[in-house]
Amino acid sequence: MSAPLLLVTEAPVQPDQLDRAVKGWLEFQADRPDGRRLYRSLEDHCLLELRPLTRLEELATLREEAAALWDALAPTLAGDLRRQVHDFVEAVKDTADPLPGTPYVQLRRVEVRPPVIDGYRGWRERTIFETVRAAPESEVFLAYHSLLSTEPGVLFVAGFSVPPAQHNAVFRTPGYEAILTEVREKYIVTRGGDQGLFTKTYARIEA
């Protein structure tokens, strides 16, 4: 069953230091066998850690862990660590484990305007979620909402095993483009461009 809480940590890495950063992060994880997993972005030089949590009290170790991870990674980083905590809302396609066991994950963020959040919840059930349920390429699809975040709003965690281009084709049809047009017009926060709606894909790194 998917994690009740999700700690998301992303780090931008210097391009020539990626292998060193991966090695340091995996060594850091090896001392903490709590189900966390490491991924690399397919779109830029970033690493991502997903850590499942069952209760907020587990964050009590964050200060000590943050210092240890910083010591391990700082020489390789191109910017500071970015952390978010997200609260589970529902599973469109659930996972037996707290995190997807798939080779790829995709994070989709949507910042919804608060006055229309109830309407959005019903709308996404009829549109986004129906698309996901009908797509065998999408193996896991979980909906979270920000609890502590500088990027607030909805977080969808998708897990899949097919090549990313094949998975993404599900969401690049004329029908899904119409869904994106509707969500932009009715529900999401806009600050120029698609800042309230964006997607990023990662490949899992095995220890």
Protein backbone atom coordinates (compact mmCIF):
# COMPACT_ATOMS: atom_id res chain seq x y z
CA MET A 1 0.00 0.00 0.00
CA SER A 2 1.29 3.46 -0.86
CA ALA A 3 3.00 5.61 1.76
CA PRO A 4 0.71 7.80 3.91
CA LEU A 5 3.32 10.56 3.76
CA LEU A 6 6.04 11.20 1.20
CA LEU A 7 9.29 13.10 1.72
CA VAL A 8 10.60 14.30 -1.63
CA THR A 9 14.21 15.50 -1.82
CA GLU A 10 15.75 16.75 -5.06
CA ALA A 11 19.28 17.97 -5.64
CA PRO A 12 20.76 19.71 -8.71
CA VAL A 13 24.18 18.19 -9.41
CA GLN A 14 27.18 19.47 -11.31
CA PRO A 15 27.18 17.58 -14.64
CA ASP A 16 30.69 16.18 -14.18
CA GLN A 17 29.96 15.09 -10.60
CA LEU A 18 26.87 12.96 -11.19
CA ASP A 19 28.54 9.57 -10.64
CA ARG A 20 30.21 10.82 -7.47
CA ALA A 21 26.91 12.21 -6.17
CA VAL A 22 25.10 8.94 -6.86
CA LYS A 23 27.79 6.97 -5.03
CA GLY A 24 27.63 9.29 -2.01
CA TRP A 25 23.83 9.23 -1.88
CA LEU A 26 23.63 5.44 -2.15
CA GLU A 27 26.17 5.08 0.66
CA PHE A 28 24.03 7.45 2.74
CA GLN A 29 20.93 5.34 2.03
CA ALA A 30 22.67 2.07 2.86
CA ASP A 31 22.76 3.04 6.54
CA ARG A 32 19.02 3.83 6.49
CA PRO A 33 17.04 0.79 5.24
CA ASP A 34 13.62 2.40 5.47
CA GLY A 35 12.40 1.97 1.90
CA ARG A 36 13.72 5.22 0.42
CA ARG A 37 14.75 5.12 -3.23
CA LEU A 38 17.03 7.17 -5.46
CA TYR A 39 16.33 8.34 -9.01
CA ARG A 40 18.03 10.43 -11.68
CA SER A 41 16.20 12.97 -13.80
CA LEU A 42 15.90 12.22 -17.50
CA GLU A 43 15.61 15.93 -18.26
CA ASP A 44 18.40 17.64 -16.33
CA HIS A 45 21.27 16.97 -13.91
CA CYS A 46 19.19 16.29 -10.80
CA LEU A 47 18.88 13.42 -8.37
CA LEU A 48 15.66 12.61 -6.54
CA GLU A 49 15.04 10.68 -3.35
CA LEU A 50 11.58 9.46 -2.40
CA ARG A 51 11.23 8.46 1.24
CA PRO A 52 8.02 6.87 2.53
CA LEU A 53 6.80 7.98 5.95
CA THR A 54 4.02 6.56 8.10
CA ARG A 55 3.74 9.48 10.52
CA LEU A 56 5.12 12.98 10.92
CA GLU A 57 7.11 12.00 14.01
CA GLU A 58 9.59 10.28 11.70
CA LEU A 59 10.72 13.74 10.59
CA ALA A 60 12.36 14.17 14.01
CA THR A 61 15.54 12.67 12.53
CA LEU A 62 15.56 15.10 9.60
CA ARG A 63 17.94 17.66 11.10
CA GLU A 64 20.65 15.08 11.75
CA GLU A 65 20.09 13.34 8.43
CA ALA A 66 20.08 16.60 6.50
CA ALA A 67 23.50 17.46 7.89
CA ALA A 68 24.87 14.02 7.02
CA LEU A 69 23.48 14.13 3.48
CA TRP A 70 24.82 17.64 3.00
CA ASP A 71 28.31 16.51 4.03
CA ALA A 72 28.11 13.63 1.56
CA LEU A 73 26.84 15.65 -1.40
CA ALA A 74 27.88 19.31 -1.02
CA PRO A 75 31.07 19.08 -3.16
CA THR A 76 29.03 17.67 -6.05
CA LEU A 77 26.00 19.97 -5.98
CA ALA A 78 25.08 22.81 -8.32
CA GLY A 79 22.45 24.16 -5.90
CA ASP A 80 20.84 23.48 -2.56
CA LEU A 81 18.64 20.51 -1.63
CA ARG A 82 14.91 20.96 -2.16
CA ARG A 83 12.59 19.11 0.24
CA GLN A 84 8.83 18.69 0.28
CA VAL A 85 6.44 16.65 2.43
CA HIS A 86 3.24 15.41 0.81
CA ASP A 87 0.13 13.83 2.31
CA PHE A 88 -1.56 10.86 0.62
CA VAL A 89 -5.02 11.53 -0.82
CA GLU A 90 -5.97 8.56 -3.02
CA ALA A 91 -4.63 5.84 -5.31
CA VAL A 92 -5.89 5.58 -8.86
CA LYS A 93 -3.60 2.59 -9.35
CA ASP A 94 -2.08 1.51 -6.05
CA THR A 95 1.23 -0.17 -5.31
CA ALA A 96 1.84 -3.11 -3.01
CA ASP A 97 4.84 -1.32 -1.52
CA PRO A 98 5.04 2.19 -0.04
CA LEU A 99 6.73 3.42 -3.24
CA PRO A 100 6.34 2.30 -6.87
CA GLY A 101 8.68 -0.57 -7.70
CA THR A 102 8.87 0.47 -11.34
CA PRO A 103 12.03 1.48 -13.25
CA TYR A 104 10.61 4.94 -13.88
CA VAL A 105 8.60 7.44 -11.88
CA GLN A 106 7.04 10.66 -13.05
CA LEU A 107 6.09 13.54 -10.77
CA ARG A 108 3.22 15.72 -11.98
CA ARG A 109 2.51 18.89 -10.01
CA VAL A 110 -0.68 20.92 -10.22
CA GLU A 111 -1.35 24.03 -8.15
CA VAL A 112 -5.13 24.36 -8.00
CA ARG A 113 -6.93 27.58 -7.12
CA PRO A 114 -8.36 26.97 -3.61
CA PRO A 115 -11.94 28.19 -4.29
CA VAL A 116 -12.40 25.51 -6.98
CA ILE A 117 -10.61 22.57 -5.34
CA ASP A 118 -13.83 20.57 -4.78
CA GLY A 119 -14.85 20.99 -8.39
CA TYR A 120 -11.35 20.03 -9.49
CA ARG A 121 -11.47 16.80 -7.46
CA GLY A 122 -14.64 15.69 -9.22
CA TRP A 123 -13.36 16.84 -12.60
CA ARG A 124 -10.07 14.94 -12.37
CA GLU A 125 -11.95 11.75 -11.46
CA ARG A 126 -13.85 11.97 -14.76
CA THR A 127 -10.91 13.05 -16.91
CA ILE A 128 -7.32 12.49 -15.73
CA PHE A 129 -8.09 9.43 -13.63
CA GLU A 130 -10.22 7.80 -16.33
CA THR A 131 -7.35 8.25 -18.78
CA VAL A 132 -4.93 6.62 -16.34
CA ARG A 133 -7.25 3.69 -15.57
CA ALA A 134 -7.59 2.94 -19.27
CA ALA A 135 -3.82 3.03 -19.93
CA PRO A 136 -1.88 -0.21 -19.28
CA GLU A 137 1.34 1.78 -19.69
CA SER A 138 0.61 3.49 -16.38
CA GLU A 139 1.15 0.87 -13.65
CA VAL A 140 1.00 3.09 -10.55
CA PHE A 141 -0.72 6.44 -10.11
CA LEU A 142 -0.95 8.06 -6.68
CA ALA A 143 -2.40 11.42 -5.67
CA TYR A 144 -0.81 13.43 -2.86
CA HIS A 145 -1.23 17.00 -1.65
CA SER A 146 1.46 19.26 -0.26
CA LEU A 147 1.80 19.42 3.52
CA LEU A 148 5.12 21.29 3.76
CA SER A 149 6.28 22.64 0.44
CA THR A 150 7.54 25.63 -1.49
CA GLU A 151 5.79 24.10 -4.52
CA PRO A 152 2.29 23.69 -3.08
CA GLY A 153 -0.63 21.79 -4.51
CA VAL A 154 -1.35 18.39 -5.96
CA LEU A 155 1.45 15.90 -6.58
CA PHE A 156 0.77 12.89 -8.80
CA VAL A 157 3.31 10.06 -8.56
CA ALA A 158 3.19 7.80 -11.61
CA GLY A 159 5.17 4.57 -11.92
CA PHE A 160 5.81 2.74 -15.20
CA SER A 161 8.13 0.21 -16.86
CA VAL A 162 7.72 0.95 -20.57
CA PRO A 163 10.04 3.45 -22.29
CA PRO A 164 9.17 7.00 -21.22
CA ALA A 165 8.14 8.03 -24.75
CA GLN A 166 5.61 5.20 -24.83
CA HIS A 167 4.21 6.16 -21.43
CA ASN A 168 4.06 9.87 -22.28
CA ALA A 169 2.17 9.15 -25.50
CA VAL A 170 -0.87 8.33 -23.34
CA PHE A 171 -0.96 12.00 -22.30
CA ARG A 172 -0.24 13.49 -25.73
CA THR A 173 -3.41 12.66 -27.58
CA PRO A 174 -5.90 15.27 -28.84
CA GLY A 175 -8.31 14.12 -26.13
CA TYR A 176 -5.80 14.68 -23.37
CA GLU A 177 -4.76 18.02 -24.83
CA ALA A 178 -8.39 19.06 -24.42
CA ILE A 179 -8.19 18.00 -20.76
CA LEU A 180 -5.07 20.16 -20.28
CA THR A 181 -6.77 23.13 -21.93
CA GLU A 182 -9.76 22.77 -19.60
CA VAL A 183 -7.66 22.49 -16.43
CA ARG A 184 -5.69 25.60 -17.38
CA GLU A 185 -8.87 27.56 -17.99
CA LYS A 186 -10.85 26.44 -14.95
CA TYR A 187 -8.66 25.20 -12.14
CA ILE A 188 -4.94 25.90 -11.95
CA VAL A 189 -3.00 28.87 -10.66
CA THR A 190 -1.24 30.67 -13.50
CA ARG A 191 1.73 32.98 -13.11
CA GLY A 192 2.80 33.03 -16.70
CA GLY A 193 3.34 29.92 -18.80
CA ASP A 194 2.53 26.61 -17.10
CA GLN A 195 4.08 27.27 -13.71
CA GLY A 196 1.05 25.75 -11.98
CA LEU A 197 1.24 22.57 -14.08
CA PHE A 198 4.43 20.67 -14.83
CA THR A 199 5.89 17.18 -15.18
CA LYS A 200 9.28 15.59 -14.61
CA THR A 201 10.47 12.03 -15.26
CA TYR A 202 13.10 10.01 -13.39
CA ALA A 203 14.83 6.65 -13.73
CA ARG A 204 15.41 4.52 -10.65
CA ILE A 205 19.01 3.97 -9.56
CA GLU A 206 19.73 0.56 -8.09
CA ALA A 207 22.29 0.16 -5.29
